[in-house]
Amino acid sequence: MIPPSVLRQLYVQGSLTNVEGGLAFRLRNNLAPATVLGMEISVDGEPAGDFEVRSGGRTIGAGELGSGTLTFRVRDEAEIFVRGRTLAPGRHRVELKVRTKEWGVLAFDFEDETK
């Protein structure tokens, strides 16, 4: 089990932003390779329904993650796009649960400000 305090290092500080059609944030793998089998996201305590992961020139919908098509190598960066959700200016909390082949379930949260 990797402690949440270590997993928080995956979040790219300052990347939580409103974008056209929703919100986005970035993760950068500085830790160890992992094959993503599923992901749950909540923003300010509410589940983020429709989201996609953009990495390596590919876009993978939340429902496609179970096929193991996303390998997150060391130094890889991914943008998570949550469709239909925007944030008011201020501080927000995002929680992630990522199911991986190699490490099991990795759970962590982060807080950041949108401008």
C-alpha atoms as a PDB file:
ATOM      1  CA  MET A   1       0.000   0.000   0.000  1.00  0.00           C
ATOM      2  CA  ILE A   2       1.374   3.389  -0.983  1.00  0.00           C
ATOM      3  CA  PRO A   3       0.465   6.108   1.549  1.00  0.00           C
ATOM      4  CA  PRO A   4      -1.840   8.923   0.351  1.00  0.00           C
ATOM      5  CA  SER A   5       0.822  11.488   1.293  1.00  0.00           C
ATOM      6  CA  VAL A   6       3.145   9.917  -1.298  1.00  0.00           C
ATOM      7  CA  LEU A   7       0.392   9.513  -3.909  1.00  0.00           C
ATOM      8  CA  ARG A   8      -0.445  13.234  -3.683  1.00  0.00           C
ATOM      9  CA  GLN A   9       2.853  13.816  -5.480  1.00  0.00           C
ATOM     10  CA  LEU A  10       1.113  12.559  -8.640  1.00  0.00           C
ATOM     11  CA  TYR A  11      -1.035  15.695  -8.798  1.00  0.00           C
ATOM     12  CA  VAL A  12       0.433  18.593 -10.797  1.00  0.00           C
ATOM     13  CA  GLN A  13      -0.084  21.522  -8.436  1.00  0.00           C
ATOM     14  CA  GLY A  14      -2.017  24.418  -9.993  1.00  0.00           C
ATOM     15  CA  SER A  15      -3.516  22.320 -12.801  1.00  0.00           C
ATOM     16  CA  LEU A  16      -7.124  22.244 -11.510  1.00  0.00           C
ATOM     17  CA  THR A  17      -8.929  24.502 -13.989  1.00  0.00           C
ATOM     18  CA  ASN A  18     -12.268  25.100 -15.630  1.00  0.00           C
ATOM     19  CA  VAL A  19     -12.096  24.344 -19.343  1.00  0.00           C
ATOM     20  CA  GLU A  20     -14.661  24.369 -22.106  1.00  0.00           C
ATOM     21  CA  GLY A  21     -17.286  21.760 -21.233  1.00  0.00           C
ATOM     22  CA  GLY A  22     -16.053  20.922 -17.733  1.00  0.00           C
ATOM     23  CA  LEU A  23     -12.988  20.888 -15.532  1.00  0.00           C
ATOM     24  CA  ALA A  24      -9.549  19.371 -15.872  1.00  0.00           C
ATOM     25  CA  PHE A  25      -6.455  18.530 -13.854  1.00  0.00           C
ATOM     26  CA  ARG A  26      -3.171  16.795 -14.542  1.00  0.00           C
ATOM     27  CA  LEU A  27      -1.321  13.876 -12.994  1.00  0.00           C
ATOM     28  CA  ARG A  28       2.368  13.135 -13.571  1.00  0.00           C
ATOM     29  CA  ASN A  29       3.781   9.746 -12.634  1.00  0.00           C
ATOM     30  CA  ASN A  30       6.899  10.256 -10.545  1.00  0.00           C
ATOM     31  CA  LEU A  31       6.560   6.982  -8.655  1.00  0.00           C
ATOM     32  CA  ALA A  32       6.224   3.625 -10.432  1.00  0.00           C
ATOM     33  CA  PRO A  33       4.563   2.158 -13.533  1.00  0.00           C
ATOM     34  CA  ALA A  34       0.937   1.064 -13.227  1.00  0.00           C
ATOM     35  CA  THR A  35      -1.776  -0.387 -15.438  1.00  0.00           C
ATOM     36  CA  VAL A  36      -5.022   1.443 -14.686  1.00  0.00           C
ATOM     37  CA  LEU A  37      -8.061  -0.855 -14.459  1.00  0.00           C
ATOM     38  CA  GLY A  38     -10.570   1.651 -13.100  1.00  0.00           C
ATOM     39  CA  MET A  39     -10.925   5.067 -11.551  1.00  0.00           C
ATOM     40  CA  GLU A  40     -13.413   6.883  -9.351  1.00  0.00           C
ATOM     41  CA  ILE A  41     -13.314  10.643  -8.907  1.00  0.00           C
ATOM     42  CA  SER A  42     -15.245  12.916  -6.595  1.00  0.00           C
ATOM     43  CA  VAL A  43     -15.068  16.692  -6.487  1.00  0.00           C
ATOM     44  CA  ASP A  44     -16.047  18.474  -3.284  1.00  0.00           C
ATOM     45  CA  GLY A  45     -17.664  15.244  -2.070  1.00  0.00           C
ATOM     46  CA  GLU A  46     -19.795  14.638  -5.182  1.00  0.00           C
ATOM     47  CA  PRO A  47     -19.033  11.812  -7.632  1.00  0.00           C
ATOM     48  CA  ALA A  48     -17.761  12.995 -10.997  1.00  0.00           C
ATOM     49  CA  GLY A  49     -19.944  11.059 -13.382  1.00  0.00           C
ATOM     50  CA  ASP A  50     -18.591  11.394 -16.884  1.00  0.00           C
ATOM     51  CA  PHE A  51     -14.821  11.751 -17.233  1.00  0.00           C
ATOM     52  CA  GLU A  52     -12.019  10.784 -19.561  1.00  0.00           C
ATOM     53  CA  VAL A  53      -8.264  10.383 -19.350  1.00  0.00           C
ATOM     54  CA  ARG A  54      -6.067  11.982 -22.007  1.00  0.00           C
ATOM     55  CA  SER A  55      -2.564  10.568 -22.137  1.00  0.00           C
ATOM     56  CA  GLY A  56       0.005   9.818 -24.815  1.00  0.00           C
ATOM     57  CA  GLY A  57      -2.164  11.273 -27.568  1.00  0.00           C
ATOM     58  CA  ARG A  58      -5.086   9.013 -26.642  1.00  0.00           C
ATOM     59  CA  THR A  59      -8.409   9.708 -24.975  1.00  0.00           C
ATOM     60  CA  ILE A  60      -9.861   6.925 -22.848  1.00  0.00           C
ATOM     61  CA  GLY A  61     -13.365   7.149 -21.382  1.00  0.00           C
ATOM     62  CA  ALA A  62     -14.052   6.087 -17.798  1.00  0.00           C
ATOM     63  CA  GLY A  63     -15.843   2.941 -18.979  1.00  0.00           C
ATOM     64  CA  GLU A  64     -12.885   1.849 -21.112  1.00  0.00           C
ATOM     65  CA  LEU A  65     -10.362   1.810 -18.258  1.00  0.00           C
ATOM     66  CA  GLY A  66     -11.360  -1.704 -17.171  1.00  0.00           C
ATOM     67  CA  SER A  67      -9.790  -3.184 -20.286  1.00  0.00           C
ATOM     68  CA  GLY A  68      -6.293  -2.317 -19.022  1.00  0.00           C
ATOM     69  CA  THR A  69      -5.567  -0.116 -22.021  1.00  0.00           C
ATOM     70  CA  LEU A  70      -3.971   2.652 -19.935  1.00  0.00           C
ATOM     71  CA  THR A  71      -0.418   2.035 -18.806  1.00  0.00           C
ATOM     72  CA  PHE A  72       0.871   4.946 -16.738  1.00  0.00           C
ATOM     73  CA  ARG A  73       4.665   4.767 -16.978  1.00  0.00           C
ATOM     74  CA  VAL A  74       7.142   6.785 -14.942  1.00  0.00           C
ATOM     75  CA  ARG A  75       7.322  10.359 -16.351  1.00  0.00           C
ATOM     76  CA  ASP A  76       3.983   9.939 -18.185  1.00  0.00           C
ATOM     77  CA  GLU A  77       1.497  12.756 -17.745  1.00  0.00           C
ATOM     78  CA  ALA A  78      -2.277  12.471 -17.997  1.00  0.00           C
ATOM     79  CA  GLU A  79      -5.018  15.068 -18.117  1.00  0.00           C
ATOM     80  CA  ILE A  80      -8.280  14.103 -16.437  1.00  0.00           C
ATOM     81  CA  PHE A  81     -11.290  15.846 -17.987  1.00  0.00           C
ATOM     82  CA  VAL A  82     -14.548  15.845 -16.014  1.00  0.00           C
ATOM     83  CA  ARG A  83     -17.380  16.641 -18.413  1.00  0.00           C
ATOM     84  CA  GLY A  84     -20.228  18.957 -17.416  1.00  0.00           C
ATOM     85  CA  ARG A  85     -18.772  20.125 -14.111  1.00  0.00           C
ATOM     86  CA  THR A  86     -17.265  23.556 -13.436  1.00  0.00           C
ATOM     87  CA  LEU A  87     -15.950  25.052 -10.225  1.00  0.00           C
ATOM     88  CA  ALA A  88     -16.447  28.440  -8.616  1.00  0.00           C
ATOM     89  CA  PRO A  89     -13.241  30.367  -7.871  1.00  0.00           C
ATOM     90  CA  GLY A  90     -11.659  29.186  -4.636  1.00  0.00           C
ATOM     91  CA  ARG A  91     -10.343  26.051  -2.962  1.00  0.00           C
ATOM     92  CA  HIS A  92     -11.679  22.610  -3.937  1.00  0.00           C
ATOM     93  CA  ARG A  93     -11.008  19.025  -2.883  1.00  0.00           C
ATOM     94  CA  VAL A  94     -10.643  16.176  -5.375  1.00  0.00           C
ATOM     95  CA  GLU A  95     -10.585  12.520  -4.297  1.00  0.00           C
ATOM     96  CA  LEU A  96      -9.332   9.705  -6.506  1.00  0.00           C
ATOM     97  CA  LYS A  97      -9.510   5.935  -6.191  1.00  0.00           C
ATOM     98  CA  VAL A  98      -7.489   4.249  -8.889  1.00  0.00           C
ATOM     99  CA  ARG A  99      -7.591   0.471  -9.303  1.00  0.00           C
ATOM    100  CA  THR A 100      -4.321  -0.857 -10.729  1.00  0.00           C
ATOM    101  CA  LYS A 101      -3.064  -4.257 -11.789  1.00  0.00           C
ATOM    102  CA  GLU A 102       0.261  -3.904  -9.970  1.00  0.00           C
ATOM    103  CA  TRP A 103      -0.646  -2.019  -6.780  1.00  0.00           C
ATOM    104  CA  GLY A 104      -4.317  -2.717  -6.110  1.00  0.00           C
ATOM    105  CA  VAL A 105      -6.472   0.267  -5.143  1.00  0.00           C
ATOM    106  CA  LEU A 106      -4.623   3.555  -4.692  1.00  0.00           C
ATOM    107  CA  ALA A 107      -6.623   6.251  -2.927  1.00  0.00           C
ATOM    108  CA  PHE A 108      -5.631   9.854  -2.356  1.00  0.00           C
ATOM    109  CA  ASP A 109      -6.982  13.362  -2.397  1.00  0.00           C
ATOM    110  CA  PHE A 110      -5.674  16.835  -3.083  1.00  0.00           C
ATOM    111  CA  GLU A 111      -6.827  20.392  -2.659  1.00  0.00           C
ATOM    112  CA  ASP A 112      -6.177  23.251  -5.029  1.00  0.00           C
ATOM    113  CA  GLU A 113      -7.616  26.595  -6.033  1.00  0.00           C
ATOM    114  CA  THR A 114      -9.315  27.449  -9.264  1.00  0.00           C
ATOM    115  CA  LYS A 115      -9.039  30.985 -10.499  1.00  0.00           C
END
